[in-house]
N, C-alpha and C. Protein backbone atom coordinates (compact mmCIF):
# COMPACT_ATOMS: atom_id res chain seq x y z
N UNK A 1 0.84 -1.17 0.00
CA UNK A 1 0.00 0.00 0.00
C UNK A 1 0.89 1.24 0.00
N UNK A 2 0.57 2.21 -0.84
CA UNK A 2 1.34 3.44 -0.92
C UNK A 2 0.95 4.36 0.24
N UNK A 3 1.96 4.93 0.86
CA UNK A 3 1.77 5.85 1.98
C UNK A 3 2.29 7.22 1.59
N UNK A 4 1.60 8.26 2.04
CA UNK A 4 2.03 9.63 1.81
C UNK A 4 2.12 10.33 3.16
N UNK A 5 3.20 11.06 3.37
CA UNK A 5 3.41 11.80 4.61
C UNK A 5 3.80 13.23 4.26
N UNK A 6 3.21 14.19 4.97
CA UNK A 6 3.56 15.60 4.81
C UNK A 6 4.71 15.95 5.74
N UNK A 7 5.52 16.93 5.35
CA UNK A 7 6.64 17.34 6.20
C UNK A 7 7.02 18.79 5.92
N UNK A 8 7.76 19.38 6.86
CA UNK A 8 8.38 20.69 6.66
C UNK A 8 9.84 20.52 6.26
N UNK A 9 10.53 19.60 6.94
CA UNK A 9 11.93 19.31 6.61
C UNK A 9 12.10 17.80 6.54
N UNK A 10 13.02 17.35 5.70
CA UNK A 10 13.33 15.92 5.66
C UNK A 10 14.81 15.72 5.43
N UNK A 11 15.29 14.57 5.87
CA UNK A 11 16.71 14.25 5.76
C UNK A 11 16.85 12.77 5.43
N UNK A 12 17.65 12.47 4.42
CA UNK A 12 17.97 11.09 4.08
C UNK A 12 19.22 10.69 4.86
N UNK A 13 19.15 9.54 5.53
CA UNK A 13 20.26 9.04 6.34
C UNK A 13 20.65 7.68 5.81
N UNK A 14 21.93 7.44 5.65
CA UNK A 14 22.39 6.19 5.07
C UNK A 14 22.72 6.38 3.60
N UNK A 15 22.75 5.28 2.88
CA UNK A 15 23.15 5.31 1.47
C UNK A 15 21.92 5.32 0.56
N UNK A 16 21.78 6.39 -0.21
CA UNK A 16 20.69 6.58 -1.17
C UNK A 16 21.29 7.05 -2.49
N UNK A 17 20.56 6.83 -3.58
CA UNK A 17 20.94 7.40 -4.88
C UNK A 17 19.68 7.85 -5.59
N UNK A 18 19.86 8.76 -6.56
CA UNK A 18 18.72 9.15 -7.40
C UNK A 18 18.30 7.93 -8.18
N UNK A 19 17.02 7.59 -8.11
CA UNK A 19 16.52 6.37 -8.76
C UNK A 19 16.33 6.54 -10.25
N UNK A 20 16.12 7.77 -10.69
CA UNK A 20 15.78 8.01 -12.08
C UNK A 20 16.27 9.41 -12.46
N UNK A 21 17.10 9.51 -13.45
CA UNK A 21 17.65 10.82 -13.83
C UNK A 21 16.58 11.77 -14.35
N UNK A 22 15.48 11.25 -14.85
CA UNK A 22 14.41 12.12 -15.35
C UNK A 22 13.49 12.59 -14.24
N UNK A 23 13.63 12.01 -13.05
CA UNK A 23 12.81 12.40 -11.91
C UNK A 23 13.72 12.62 -10.70
N UNK A 24 14.24 13.84 -10.52
CA UNK A 24 15.20 14.09 -9.46
C UNK A 24 14.64 13.92 -8.05
N UNK A 25 13.34 13.75 -7.93
CA UNK A 25 12.76 13.60 -6.60
C UNK A 25 12.59 12.14 -6.19
N UNK A 26 13.03 11.19 -7.00
CA UNK A 26 12.93 9.76 -6.68
C UNK A 26 14.29 9.25 -6.21
N UNK A 27 14.26 8.50 -5.11
CA UNK A 27 15.49 7.96 -4.52
C UNK A 27 15.34 6.47 -4.29
N UNK A 28 16.48 5.77 -4.34
CA UNK A 28 16.52 4.33 -4.09
C UNK A 28 17.53 4.06 -2.98
N UNK A 29 17.13 3.25 -2.01
CA UNK A 29 18.04 2.91 -0.91
C UNK A 29 19.07 1.90 -1.40
N UNK A 30 20.30 2.07 -0.95
CA UNK A 30 21.39 1.19 -1.36
C UNK A 30 21.79 0.21 -0.26
N UNK A 31 21.06 0.24 0.86
CA UNK A 31 21.36 -0.66 1.96
C UNK A 31 20.12 -0.87 2.81
N UNK A 32 20.05 -2.02 3.47
CA UNK A 32 18.99 -2.23 4.45
C UNK A 32 19.17 -1.23 5.58
N UNK A 33 18.08 -0.65 6.03
CA UNK A 33 18.14 0.29 7.15
C UNK A 33 18.35 1.73 6.75
N UNK A 34 18.47 2.04 5.45
CA UNK A 34 18.56 3.44 5.03
C UNK A 34 17.29 4.14 5.53
N UNK A 35 17.46 5.35 6.02
CA UNK A 35 16.39 6.01 6.77
C UNK A 35 16.02 7.35 6.15
N UNK A 36 14.76 7.70 6.28
CA UNK A 36 14.32 9.07 6.01
C UNK A 36 13.70 9.59 7.30
N UNK A 37 14.13 10.77 7.69
CA UNK A 37 13.62 11.41 8.90
C UNK A 37 12.95 12.71 8.47
N UNK A 38 11.74 12.93 8.92
CA UNK A 38 11.06 14.16 8.55
C UNK A 38 10.38 14.78 9.75
N UNK A 39 10.18 16.10 9.65
CA UNK A 39 9.63 16.86 10.77
C UNK A 39 8.53 17.79 10.29
N UNK A 40 7.59 18.00 11.18
CA UNK A 40 6.59 19.05 11.02
C UNK A 40 6.87 20.04 12.14
N UNK A 41 7.45 21.17 11.80
CA UNK A 41 7.99 22.09 12.79
C UNK A 41 6.92 22.66 13.70
N UNK A 42 5.83 23.16 13.16
CA UNK A 42 4.81 23.79 14.00
C UNK A 42 4.13 22.80 14.92
N UNK A 43 4.09 21.54 14.53
CA UNK A 43 3.48 20.51 15.38
C UNK A 43 4.50 19.90 16.34
N UNK A 44 5.77 20.31 16.23
CA UNK A 44 6.84 19.76 17.05
C UNK A 44 6.84 18.23 16.97
N UNK A 45 6.84 17.73 15.73
CA UNK A 45 6.69 16.30 15.47
C UNK A 45 7.81 15.83 14.54
N UNK A 46 8.47 14.75 14.92
CA UNK A 46 9.50 14.14 14.07
C UNK A 46 9.22 12.66 13.96
N UNK A 47 9.39 12.12 12.75
CA UNK A 47 9.16 10.69 12.52
C UNK A 47 10.24 10.19 11.57
N UNK A 48 10.60 8.92 11.70
CA UNK A 48 11.58 8.35 10.78
C UNK A 48 11.13 6.96 10.36
N UNK A 49 11.56 6.58 9.16
CA UNK A 49 11.25 5.27 8.60
C UNK A 49 12.52 4.67 8.05
N UNK A 50 12.72 3.38 8.31
CA UNK A 50 13.87 2.63 7.78
C UNK A 50 13.38 1.75 6.65
N UNK A 51 14.19 1.66 5.58
CA UNK A 51 13.78 0.95 4.37
C UNK A 51 14.70 -0.21 4.04
N UNK A 52 14.13 -1.18 3.32
CA UNK A 52 14.90 -2.31 2.80
C UNK A 52 15.76 -1.82 1.63
N UNK A 53 16.79 -2.58 1.34
CA UNK A 53 17.66 -2.28 0.21
C UNK A 53 16.84 -2.29 -1.09
N UNK A 54 17.11 -1.36 -1.97
CA UNK A 54 16.47 -1.17 -3.28
C UNK A 54 15.04 -0.63 -3.19
N UNK A 55 14.63 -0.13 -2.03
CA UNK A 55 13.32 0.51 -1.91
C UNK A 55 13.36 1.87 -2.58
N UNK A 56 12.22 2.29 -3.10
CA UNK A 56 12.14 3.60 -3.75
C UNK A 56 11.19 4.50 -2.99
N UNK A 57 11.59 5.77 -2.88
CA UNK A 57 10.74 6.79 -2.29
C UNK A 57 10.70 7.97 -3.25
N UNK A 58 9.66 8.77 -3.13
CA UNK A 58 9.54 9.99 -3.92
C UNK A 58 9.31 11.15 -2.96
N UNK A 59 10.09 12.20 -3.14
CA UNK A 59 9.93 13.42 -2.35
C UNK A 59 9.48 14.50 -3.32
N UNK A 60 8.28 15.01 -3.11
CA UNK A 60 7.70 15.98 -4.04
C UNK A 60 7.04 17.09 -3.23
N UNK A 61 7.47 18.31 -3.48
CA UNK A 61 7.00 19.46 -2.71
C UNK A 61 7.23 19.16 -1.23
N UNK A 62 6.19 19.06 -0.44
CA UNK A 62 6.33 18.76 1.00
C UNK A 62 5.70 17.42 1.34
N UNK A 63 5.84 16.45 0.42
CA UNK A 63 5.24 15.14 0.64
C UNK A 63 6.22 14.03 0.27
N UNK A 64 6.22 12.99 1.10
CA UNK A 64 7.01 11.79 0.84
C UNK A 64 6.04 10.68 0.46
N UNK A 65 6.36 9.92 -0.58
CA UNK A 65 5.56 8.76 -0.97
C UNK A 65 6.43 7.52 -0.93
N UNK A 66 5.90 6.46 -0.36
CA UNK A 66 6.61 5.18 -0.32
C UNK A 66 5.61 4.06 -0.11
N UNK A 67 6.07 2.83 -0.32
CA UNK A 67 5.24 1.66 -0.10
C UNK A 67 5.56 1.06 1.26
N UNK A 68 4.53 0.76 2.04
CA UNK A 68 4.73 0.23 3.39
C UNK A 68 5.47 -1.10 3.39
N UNK A 69 5.31 -1.91 2.33
CA UNK A 69 6.01 -3.19 2.29
C UNK A 69 7.52 -3.02 2.10
N UNK A 70 7.97 -1.81 1.77
CA UNK A 70 9.40 -1.54 1.64
C UNK A 70 10.06 -1.20 2.98
N UNK A 71 9.26 -1.05 4.03
CA UNK A 71 9.83 -0.71 5.33
C UNK A 71 10.64 -1.87 5.89
N UNK A 72 11.77 -1.54 6.50
CA UNK A 72 12.67 -2.53 7.09
C UNK A 72 12.25 -2.74 8.54
N UNK A 73 11.87 -3.97 8.87
CA UNK A 73 11.41 -4.26 10.24
C UNK A 73 12.22 -5.36 10.85
């Protein structure tokens, strides 16, 4: 299932690469446990997600899109 999360700031942690040169907002994880951390400043809220190797995420405007089955648990 595709998940969308809103954010004010986000940070990629671990090894990531651009997944597609025609879409600079798509990233692919290069290792298990690669993380994205995002914050909503006015709500004083921070959340992070760890991903499996070769998972893809899209960061567009102030939204992150990813598939829940790509989460590393």
